[in-house]
């Protein structure tokens, strides 16, 4: 009987923790990149399209794929801001940010 009660208690604690994690705000802080040339910006848009993700025309918009939603805004000169708005609860903002930084650096030629 104690085993059943213990298992039930563990299940409830885990379920409540999981529900809380899913309900937490998933917006990450905006990432701002400087010295993003028009060629680098177009490179990023093309790579995203090559992954099969629809990219809105223009210098700003929102994209979504496989549980991740993000927005971008480029000033048309050199400043690009990218924000992860939604992501799976098990992916931290730090991990998402690292992926975005690597992606941007590929097109910036770093």
C-alpha atoms as a PDB file:
ATOM      1  CA  UNK A   1       0.000   0.000   0.000  1.00  0.00           C
ATOM      2  CA  UNK A   2       2.835   2.404   0.872  1.00  0.00           C
ATOM      3  CA  UNK A   3       4.395   1.693  -2.518  1.00  0.00           C
ATOM      4  CA  UNK A   4       1.192   2.642  -4.334  1.00  0.00           C
ATOM      5  CA  UNK A   5       0.836   5.860  -2.327  1.00  0.00           C
ATOM      6  CA  UNK A   6       4.499   6.730  -2.983  1.00  0.00           C
ATOM      7  CA  UNK A   7       4.149   6.094  -6.717  1.00  0.00           C
ATOM      8  CA  UNK A   8       0.969   8.158  -6.826  1.00  0.00           C
ATOM      9  CA  UNK A   9       2.691  11.025  -4.989  1.00  0.00           C
ATOM     10  CA  UNK A  10       5.663  10.919  -7.404  1.00  0.00           C
ATOM     11  CA  UNK A  11       3.290  10.875 -10.381  1.00  0.00           C
ATOM     12  CA  UNK A  12       1.348  13.887  -9.089  1.00  0.00           C
ATOM     13  CA  UNK A  13       4.486  15.910  -8.356  1.00  0.00           C
ATOM     14  CA  UNK A  14       5.935  15.117 -11.794  1.00  0.00           C
ATOM     15  CA  UNK A  15       2.634  15.896 -13.549  1.00  0.00           C
ATOM     16  CA  UNK A  16       2.242  19.225 -11.756  1.00  0.00           C
ATOM     17  CA  UNK A  17       5.836  20.183 -12.524  1.00  0.00           C
ATOM     18  CA  UNK A  18       5.405  19.252 -16.180  1.00  0.00           C
ATOM     19  CA  UNK A  19       2.169  21.229 -16.449  1.00  0.00           C
ATOM     20  CA  UNK A  20       3.821  24.245 -14.847  1.00  0.00           C
ATOM     21  CA  UNK A  21       6.773  24.021 -17.251  1.00  0.00           C
ATOM     22  CA  UNK A  22       4.395  23.890 -20.228  1.00  0.00           C
ATOM     23  CA  UNK A  23       2.471  26.934 -19.013  1.00  0.00           C
ATOM     24  CA  UNK A  24       5.499  29.109 -18.373  1.00  0.00           C
ATOM     25  CA  UNK A  25       6.214  31.978 -20.731  1.00  0.00           C
ATOM     26  CA  UNK A  26       8.341  30.621 -23.547  1.00  0.00           C
ATOM     27  CA  UNK A  27       9.426  33.927 -25.112  1.00  0.00           C
ATOM     28  CA  UNK A  28      13.160  34.309 -25.161  1.00  0.00           C
ATOM     29  CA  UNK A  29      14.939  37.662 -25.049  1.00  0.00           C
ATOM     30  CA  UNK A  30      15.441  39.266 -28.461  1.00  0.00           C
ATOM     31  CA  UNK A  31      18.842  38.701 -30.051  1.00  0.00           C
ATOM     32  CA  UNK A  32      20.286  41.731 -31.809  1.00  0.00           C
ATOM     33  CA  UNK A  33      22.933  41.305 -34.517  1.00  0.00           C
ATOM     34  CA  UNK A  34      24.892  44.188 -36.007  1.00  0.00           C
ATOM     35  CA  UNK A  35      26.767  44.417 -39.309  1.00  0.00           C
ATOM     36  CA  UNK A  36      24.248  42.190 -41.093  1.00  0.00           C
ATOM     37  CA  UNK A  37      24.706  43.080 -44.757  1.00  0.00           C
ATOM     38  CA  UNK A  38      21.949  42.716 -47.357  1.00  0.00           C
ATOM     39  CA  UNK A  39      23.812  39.672 -48.741  1.00  0.00           C
ATOM     40  CA  UNK A  40      23.945  38.046 -45.289  1.00  0.00           C
ATOM     41  CA  UNK A  41      20.236  38.742 -44.715  1.00  0.00           C
ATOM     42  CA  UNK A  42      19.312  37.195 -48.076  1.00  0.00           C
ATOM     43  CA  UNK A  43      21.581  34.211 -47.304  1.00  0.00           C
ATOM     44  CA  UNK A  44      19.630  33.584 -44.084  1.00  0.00           C
ATOM     45  CA  UNK A  45      16.263  33.822 -45.804  1.00  0.00           C
ATOM     46  CA  UNK A  46      17.387  31.434 -48.543  1.00  0.00           C
ATOM     47  CA  UNK A  47      18.762  28.879 -46.057  1.00  0.00           C
ATOM     48  CA  UNK A  48      15.499  28.941 -44.119  1.00  0.00           C
ATOM     49  CA  UNK A  49      13.536  28.424 -47.330  1.00  0.00           C
ATOM     50  CA  UNK A  50      15.874  25.557 -48.252  1.00  0.00           C
ATOM     51  CA  UNK A  51      14.818  23.907 -44.969  1.00  0.00           C
ATOM     52  CA  UNK A  52      11.242  24.031 -46.266  1.00  0.00           C
ATOM     53  CA  UNK A  53      10.084  26.872 -44.023  1.00  0.00           C
ATOM     54  CA  UNK A  54       7.979  29.671 -45.501  1.00  0.00           C
ATOM     55  CA  UNK A  55       9.727  33.018 -45.129  1.00  0.00           C
ATOM     56  CA  UNK A  56       7.563  36.126 -45.337  1.00  0.00           C
ATOM     57  CA  UNK A  57       8.670  38.720 -47.873  1.00  0.00           C
ATOM     58  CA  UNK A  58      10.251  41.938 -46.689  1.00  0.00           C
ATOM     59  CA  UNK A  59      12.427  42.832 -43.758  1.00  0.00           C
ATOM     60  CA  UNK A  60      10.203  41.618 -40.932  1.00  0.00           C
ATOM     61  CA  UNK A  61       7.857  38.810 -40.149  1.00  0.00           C
ATOM     62  CA  UNK A  62       7.112  35.675 -38.203  1.00  0.00           C
ATOM     63  CA  UNK A  63       7.941  32.059 -39.000  1.00  0.00           C
ATOM     64  CA  UNK A  64       6.847  28.822 -37.402  1.00  0.00           C
ATOM     65  CA  UNK A  65       7.922  25.212 -37.808  1.00  0.00           C
ATOM     66  CA  UNK A  66       7.831  22.087 -35.622  1.00  0.00           C
ATOM     67  CA  UNK A  67       6.788  23.810 -32.409  1.00  0.00           C
ATOM     68  CA  UNK A  68       9.135  26.776 -32.733  1.00  0.00           C
ATOM     69  CA  UNK A  69       7.881  30.249 -33.613  1.00  0.00           C
ATOM     70  CA  UNK A  70      10.136  33.201 -34.085  1.00  0.00           C
ATOM     71  CA  UNK A  71      10.084  36.708 -35.448  1.00  0.00           C
ATOM     72  CA  UNK A  72      12.690  38.751 -37.254  1.00  0.00           C
ATOM     73  CA  UNK A  73      13.155  42.422 -38.032  1.00  0.00           C
ATOM     74  CA  UNK A  74      15.979  43.819 -40.152  1.00  0.00           C
ATOM     75  CA  UNK A  75      16.417  47.578 -40.496  1.00  0.00           C
ATOM     76  CA  UNK A  76      17.454  47.232 -44.145  1.00  0.00           C
ATOM     77  CA  UNK A  77      20.998  48.337 -43.398  1.00  0.00           C
ATOM     78  CA  UNK A  78      22.822  46.359 -40.727  1.00  0.00           C
ATOM     79  CA  UNK A  79      20.766  45.562 -37.600  1.00  0.00           C
ATOM     80  CA  UNK A  80      18.829  42.294 -37.355  1.00  0.00           C
ATOM     81  CA  UNK A  81      16.694  41.361 -34.346  1.00  0.00           C
ATOM     82  CA  UNK A  82      15.472  37.776 -33.911  1.00  0.00           C
ATOM     83  CA  UNK A  83      13.126  36.660 -31.135  1.00  0.00           C
ATOM     84  CA  UNK A  84      12.079  33.102 -30.312  1.00  0.00           C
ATOM     85  CA  UNK A  85       8.445  33.481 -29.283  1.00  0.00           C
ATOM     86  CA  UNK A  86       7.425  29.853 -28.726  1.00  0.00           C
ATOM     87  CA  UNK A  87       9.434  26.674 -28.291  1.00  0.00           C
ATOM     88  CA  UNK A  88       9.059  23.260 -26.707  1.00  0.00           C
ATOM     89  CA  UNK A  89       9.342  23.482 -22.922  1.00  0.00           C
ATOM     90  CA  UNK A  90      12.339  21.151 -22.872  1.00  0.00           C
ATOM     91  CA  UNK A  91      14.412  23.511 -25.053  1.00  0.00           C
ATOM     92  CA  UNK A  92      15.978  26.318 -23.036  1.00  0.00           C
ATOM     93  CA  UNK A  93      16.253  29.851 -24.359  1.00  0.00           C
ATOM     94  CA  UNK A  94      20.029  29.499 -24.096  1.00  0.00           C
ATOM     95  CA  UNK A  95      20.027  26.474 -26.419  1.00  0.00           C
ATOM     96  CA  UNK A  96      17.700  28.191 -28.883  1.00  0.00           C
ATOM     97  CA  UNK A  97      19.870  31.330 -28.794  1.00  0.00           C
ATOM     98  CA  UNK A  98      23.033  29.308 -29.465  1.00  0.00           C
ATOM     99  CA  UNK A  99      21.426  27.759 -32.561  1.00  0.00           C
ATOM    100  CA  UNK A 100      20.297  31.149 -33.856  1.00  0.00           C
ATOM    101  CA  UNK A 101      23.761  32.661 -33.306  1.00  0.00           C
ATOM    102  CA  UNK A 102      25.454  29.803 -35.181  1.00  0.00           C
ATOM    103  CA  UNK A 103      22.979  30.171 -38.034  1.00  0.00           C
ATOM    104  CA  UNK A 104      23.485  33.935 -38.324  1.00  0.00           C
ATOM    105  CA  UNK A 105      27.274  33.586 -38.136  1.00  0.00           C
ATOM    106  CA  UNK A 106      27.233  31.120 -41.057  1.00  0.00           C
ATOM    107  CA  UNK A 107      25.748  33.760 -43.339  1.00  0.00           C
ATOM    108  CA  UNK A 108      27.829  36.590 -41.909  1.00  0.00           C
ATOM    109  CA  UNK A 109      30.939  34.640 -42.837  1.00  0.00           C
ATOM    110  CA  UNK A 110      32.324  34.029 -39.347  1.00  0.00           C
END
